[in-house]
Amino acid sequence: MPNIKFNYLYRDAGNYKTYGSVVFANPQHYSLAELENVIRAKLIYGTWFYAHQWGVPDLHTHPWDNELDHTFHEFEGLEFTDEKADIHESIGFVRFPSVS
């Protein structure tokens, strides 16, 4: 049963990018398309999210500039993987908070 790899990145004010991913269990066998549709609906403008709210690691790596940098991360995509789950909770449809 393949797990789901959630790929995302942090792009700082200088356009430097730090890429990351987390692997979720997928015991319900959700398709990538149905998960991506639900995830995009929960993102800010279909692209951004706050890592701490979504329970994934923060990817800030460069020195912080309060005047230029921001705290949101960018969703890159999903893929099936045979890698071991980092987060043993199912990705499910209720995993991520909705945009308010």
N, C-alpha and C. Protein backbone atom coordinates (compact mmCIF):
# COMPACT_ATOMS: atom_id res chain seq x y z
N MET A 1 0.85 -1.17 0.00
CA MET A 1 0.00 0.00 0.00
C MET A 1 0.90 1.24 0.00
N PRO A 2 0.85 2.06 -1.04
CA PRO A 2 1.74 3.22 -1.08
C PRO A 2 1.30 4.31 -0.12
N ASN A 3 2.29 4.96 0.45
CA ASN A 3 2.05 6.14 1.28
C ASN A 3 2.00 7.36 0.37
N ILE A 4 1.71 8.51 0.97
CA ILE A 4 1.63 9.77 0.23
C ILE A 4 2.75 10.69 0.67
N LYS A 5 3.53 11.18 -0.29
CA LYS A 5 4.58 12.16 0.00
C LYS A 5 4.02 13.54 -0.31
N PHE A 6 4.01 14.40 0.69
CA PHE A 6 3.54 15.77 0.61
C PHE A 6 4.78 16.64 0.41
N ASN A 7 4.95 17.24 -0.77
CA ASN A 7 6.11 18.05 -1.11
C ASN A 7 5.77 19.53 -0.99
N TYR A 8 6.67 20.27 -0.38
CA TYR A 8 6.44 21.70 -0.18
C TYR A 8 7.76 22.44 -0.11
N LEU A 9 7.71 23.75 -0.08
CA LEU A 9 8.93 24.54 -0.01
C LEU A 9 8.71 25.86 0.71
N TYR A 10 9.81 26.44 1.13
CA TYR A 10 9.81 27.79 1.67
C TYR A 10 10.64 28.64 0.73
N ARG A 11 10.07 29.76 0.30
CA ARG A 11 10.75 30.69 -0.60
C ARG A 11 10.91 31.99 0.18
N ASP A 12 12.16 32.37 0.49
CA ASP A 12 12.36 33.58 1.29
C ASP A 12 12.31 34.83 0.40
N ALA A 13 12.50 35.98 1.01
CA ALA A 13 12.39 37.25 0.29
C ALA A 13 13.40 37.37 -0.85
N GLY A 14 14.52 36.71 -0.75
CA GLY A 14 15.53 36.73 -1.80
C GLY A 14 15.30 35.65 -2.84
N ASN A 15 14.17 34.96 -2.78
CA ASN A 15 13.78 33.88 -3.67
C ASN A 15 14.64 32.63 -3.50
N TYR A 16 15.34 32.52 -2.34
CA TYR A 16 16.05 31.29 -2.04
C TYR A 16 15.02 30.26 -1.59
N LYS A 17 15.15 29.05 -2.09
CA LYS A 17 14.16 28.02 -1.81
C LYS A 17 14.76 26.89 -0.98
N THR A 18 13.97 26.44 -0.03
CA THR A 18 14.31 25.26 0.75
C THR A 18 13.17 24.28 0.56
N TYR A 19 13.49 23.09 0.05
CA TYR A 19 12.48 22.08 -0.25
C TYR A 19 12.39 21.07 0.88
N GLY A 20 11.19 20.56 1.08
CA GLY A 20 10.98 19.54 2.09
C GLY A 20 9.81 18.65 1.71
N SER A 21 9.69 17.57 2.44
CA SER A 21 8.56 16.67 2.23
C SER A 21 8.33 15.88 3.50
N VAL A 22 7.11 15.42 3.65
CA VAL A 22 6.76 14.50 4.72
C VAL A 22 5.94 13.38 4.09
N VAL A 23 6.07 12.21 4.68
CA VAL A 23 5.35 11.05 4.16
C VAL A 23 4.26 10.66 5.15
N PHE A 24 3.04 10.59 4.64
CA PHE A 24 1.88 10.22 5.43
C PHE A 24 1.43 8.82 5.07
N ALA A 25 0.87 8.13 6.05
CA ALA A 25 0.23 6.84 5.79
C ALA A 25 -1.01 7.08 4.94
N ASN A 26 -1.39 6.09 4.16
CA ASN A 26 -2.56 6.21 3.29
C ASN A 26 -3.39 4.92 3.34
N PRO A 27 -3.85 4.53 4.54
CA PRO A 27 -4.59 3.27 4.63
C PRO A 27 -5.94 3.29 3.91
N GLN A 28 -6.46 4.48 3.63
CA GLN A 28 -7.74 4.58 2.92
C GLN A 28 -7.56 4.51 1.41
N HIS A 29 -6.32 4.46 0.93
CA HIS A 29 -6.02 4.37 -0.50
C HIS A 29 -6.61 5.54 -1.29
N TYR A 30 -6.48 6.74 -0.76
CA TYR A 30 -6.93 7.92 -1.48
C TYR A 30 -6.11 8.09 -2.75
N SER A 31 -6.73 8.60 -3.79
CA SER A 31 -6.00 8.91 -5.02
C SER A 31 -5.29 10.24 -4.84
N LEU A 32 -4.24 10.45 -5.62
CA LEU A 32 -3.54 11.73 -5.55
C LEU A 32 -4.46 12.88 -5.97
N ALA A 33 -5.27 12.66 -6.98
CA ALA A 33 -6.15 13.72 -7.49
C ALA A 33 -7.15 14.16 -6.43
N GLU A 34 -7.79 13.21 -5.76
CA GLU A 34 -8.79 13.62 -4.77
C GLU A 34 -8.13 14.31 -3.58
N LEU A 35 -6.97 13.85 -3.15
CA LEU A 35 -6.28 14.52 -2.05
C LEU A 35 -5.82 15.91 -2.45
N GLU A 36 -5.27 16.04 -3.65
CA GLU A 36 -4.79 17.35 -4.08
C GLU A 36 -5.94 18.35 -4.17
N ASN A 37 -7.09 17.93 -4.65
CA ASN A 37 -8.24 18.83 -4.72
C ASN A 37 -8.64 19.33 -3.34
N VAL A 38 -8.67 18.42 -2.37
CA VAL A 38 -9.04 18.81 -1.01
C VAL A 38 -7.97 19.72 -0.41
N ILE A 39 -6.71 19.37 -0.60
CA ILE A 39 -5.62 20.18 -0.05
C ILE A 39 -5.63 21.58 -0.65
N ARG A 40 -5.72 21.68 -1.96
CA ARG A 40 -5.71 23.01 -2.60
C ARG A 40 -6.86 23.88 -2.11
N ALA A 41 -8.01 23.27 -1.81
CA ALA A 41 -9.15 24.03 -1.30
C ALA A 41 -8.88 24.59 0.09
N LYS A 42 -7.94 23.98 0.81
CA LYS A 42 -7.62 24.42 2.17
C LYS A 42 -6.42 25.36 2.23
N LEU A 43 -5.78 25.59 1.10
CA LEU A 43 -4.60 26.46 1.04
C LEU A 43 -5.02 27.92 0.87
N ILE A 44 -4.13 28.81 1.22
CA ILE A 44 -4.34 30.24 0.98
C ILE A 44 -4.11 30.47 -0.50
N TYR A 45 -5.13 30.93 -1.19
CA TYR A 45 -5.09 31.15 -2.64
C TYR A 45 -4.62 29.91 -3.41
N GLY A 46 -4.94 28.72 -2.87
CA GLY A 46 -4.63 27.48 -3.55
C GLY A 46 -3.16 27.10 -3.58
N THR A 47 -2.33 27.84 -2.82
CA THR A 47 -0.88 27.61 -2.89
C THR A 47 -0.19 27.58 -1.53
N TRP A 48 -0.51 28.51 -0.62
CA TRP A 48 0.30 28.72 0.59
C TRP A 48 -0.38 28.20 1.85
N PHE A 49 0.47 27.92 2.85
CA PHE A 49 -0.01 27.47 4.15
C PHE A 49 1.05 27.78 5.20
N TYR A 50 0.64 27.72 6.46
CA TYR A 50 1.55 27.91 7.58
C TYR A 50 1.93 26.54 8.13
N ALA A 51 3.23 26.23 8.08
CA ALA A 51 3.71 24.90 8.46
C ALA A 51 3.26 24.50 9.86
N HIS A 52 3.32 25.42 10.81
CA HIS A 52 2.95 25.06 12.19
C HIS A 52 1.48 24.67 12.29
N GLN A 53 0.61 25.29 11.49
CA GLN A 53 -0.81 24.94 11.52
C GLN A 53 -1.07 23.58 10.88
N TRP A 54 -0.24 23.20 9.94
CA TRP A 54 -0.44 21.94 9.22
C TRP A 54 0.36 20.79 9.83
N GLY A 55 1.15 21.08 10.86
CA GLY A 55 1.89 20.03 11.54
C GLY A 55 3.03 19.44 10.75
N VAL A 56 3.64 20.25 9.88
CA VAL A 56 4.80 19.80 9.12
C VAL A 56 5.99 20.68 9.49
N PRO A 57 7.21 20.19 9.31
CA PRO A 57 8.38 20.97 9.69
C PRO A 57 8.49 22.31 8.96
N ASP A 58 8.89 23.33 9.70
CA ASP A 58 9.15 24.65 9.15
C ASP A 58 10.47 24.59 8.39
N LEU A 59 10.52 25.13 7.20
CA LEU A 59 11.72 25.04 6.36
C LEU A 59 12.57 26.30 6.33
N HIS A 60 12.34 27.26 7.22
CA HIS A 60 13.18 28.46 7.24
C HIS A 60 14.61 28.07 7.56
N THR A 61 15.54 28.44 6.72
CA THR A 61 16.95 28.09 6.96
C THR A 61 17.88 29.28 6.93
N HIS A 62 17.50 30.33 6.25
CA HIS A 62 18.37 31.50 6.13
C HIS A 62 18.06 32.50 7.24
N PRO A 63 18.98 33.42 7.51
CA PRO A 63 18.70 34.43 8.53
C PRO A 63 17.40 35.18 8.22
N TRP A 64 16.62 35.41 9.24
CA TRP A 64 15.30 36.03 9.13
C TRP A 64 15.43 37.54 8.99
N ASP A 65 14.69 38.12 8.06
CA ASP A 65 14.62 39.58 7.90
C ASP A 65 13.16 39.98 8.10
N ASN A 66 12.84 40.58 9.24
CA ASN A 66 11.46 40.94 9.58
C ASN A 66 10.80 41.85 8.55
N GLU A 67 11.58 42.63 7.83
CA GLU A 67 11.00 43.54 6.85
C GLU A 67 10.69 42.87 5.52
N LEU A 68 11.30 41.75 5.24
CA LEU A 68 11.14 41.11 3.94
C LEU A 68 10.55 39.71 3.98
N ASP A 69 10.91 38.93 4.97
CA ASP A 69 10.51 37.53 4.99
C ASP A 69 9.09 37.35 5.51
N HIS A 70 8.52 36.22 5.21
CA HIS A 70 7.16 35.88 5.61
C HIS A 70 7.18 34.50 6.25
N THR A 71 6.05 34.06 6.78
CA THR A 71 6.02 32.79 7.49
C THR A 71 5.32 31.67 6.73
N PHE A 72 4.78 31.93 5.55
CA PHE A 72 4.05 30.87 4.86
C PHE A 72 4.96 30.03 3.96
N HIS A 73 4.50 28.80 3.75
CA HIS A 73 5.16 27.83 2.90
C HIS A 73 4.31 27.59 1.66
N GLU A 74 4.90 26.99 0.65
CA GLU A 74 4.23 26.77 -0.63
C GLU A 74 4.05 25.27 -0.89
N PHE A 75 2.83 24.87 -1.18
CA PHE A 75 2.54 23.48 -1.54
C PHE A 75 3.08 23.23 -2.93
N GLU A 76 3.82 22.13 -3.09
CA GLU A 76 4.40 21.79 -4.39
C GLU A 76 3.65 20.64 -5.07
N GLY A 77 3.24 19.65 -4.31
CA GLY A 77 2.51 18.54 -4.92
C GLY A 77 2.55 17.29 -4.06
N LEU A 78 1.91 16.25 -4.58
CA LEU A 78 1.84 14.96 -3.90
C LEU A 78 2.38 13.88 -4.82
N GLU A 79 2.84 12.80 -4.22
CA GLU A 79 3.23 11.64 -5.00
C GLU A 79 3.09 10.40 -4.15
N PHE A 80 2.89 9.26 -4.80
CA PHE A 80 2.90 7.99 -4.09
C PHE A 80 4.34 7.61 -3.80
N THR A 81 4.55 6.94 -2.68
CA THR A 81 5.89 6.50 -2.32
C THR A 81 5.81 5.22 -1.50
N ASP A 82 6.87 4.43 -1.58
CA ASP A 82 7.00 3.25 -0.73
C ASP A 82 7.84 3.58 0.50
N GLU A 83 8.23 4.85 0.64
CA GLU A 83 9.00 5.27 1.81
C GLU A 83 8.15 5.11 3.07
N LYS A 84 8.83 4.87 4.18
CA LYS A 84 8.18 4.73 5.47
C LYS A 84 7.52 6.06 5.85
N ALA A 85 6.35 6.00 6.45
CA ALA A 85 5.63 7.21 6.85
C ALA A 85 6.38 7.95 7.96
N ASP A 86 6.55 9.27 7.78
CA ASP A 86 7.10 10.14 8.82
C ASP A 86 6.02 10.43 9.85
N ILE A 87 4.80 10.58 9.34
CA ILE A 87 3.64 10.89 10.17
C ILE A 87 2.69 9.71 10.03
N HIS A 88 2.52 8.98 11.10
CA HIS A 88 1.77 7.73 11.02
C HIS A 88 0.26 7.95 11.00
N GLU A 89 -0.14 9.15 11.29
CA GLU A 89 -1.55 9.50 11.14
C GLU A 89 -1.85 9.54 9.65
N SER A 90 -3.02 9.08 9.28
CA SER A 90 -3.42 9.11 7.87
C SER A 90 -3.50 10.54 7.37
N ILE A 91 -3.16 10.75 6.11
CA ILE A 91 -3.28 12.08 5.53
C ILE A 91 -4.73 12.52 5.54
N GLY A 92 -5.64 11.62 5.24
CA GLY A 92 -7.08 11.87 5.35
C GLY A 92 -7.58 13.22 4.89
N PHE A 93 -8.86 13.38 4.91
CA PHE A 93 -9.46 14.64 4.48
C PHE A 93 -9.58 15.65 5.58
N VAL A 94 -9.31 15.28 6.81
CA VAL A 94 -9.43 16.22 7.92
C VAL A 94 -8.07 16.58 8.49
N ARG A 95 -7.02 16.14 7.89
CA ARG A 95 -5.67 16.34 8.42
C ARG A 95 -5.30 17.82 8.50
N PHE A 96 -5.61 18.60 7.49
CA PHE A 96 -5.16 19.97 7.41
C PHE A 96 -6.28 20.94 7.71
N PRO A 97 -5.97 22.05 8.35
CA PRO A 97 -7.02 23.03 8.67
C PRO A 97 -7.50 23.76 7.42
N SER A 98 -8.73 24.21 7.47
CA SER A 98 -9.28 25.01 6.39
C SER A 98 -8.84 26.46 6.54
N VAL A 99 -8.77 27.15 5.42
CA VAL A 99 -8.47 28.58 5.46
C VAL A 99 -9.70 29.29 6.03
N SER A 100 -9.47 30.21 6.95
CA SER A 100 -10.61 30.93 7.51
C SER A 100 -10.82 32.26 6.85
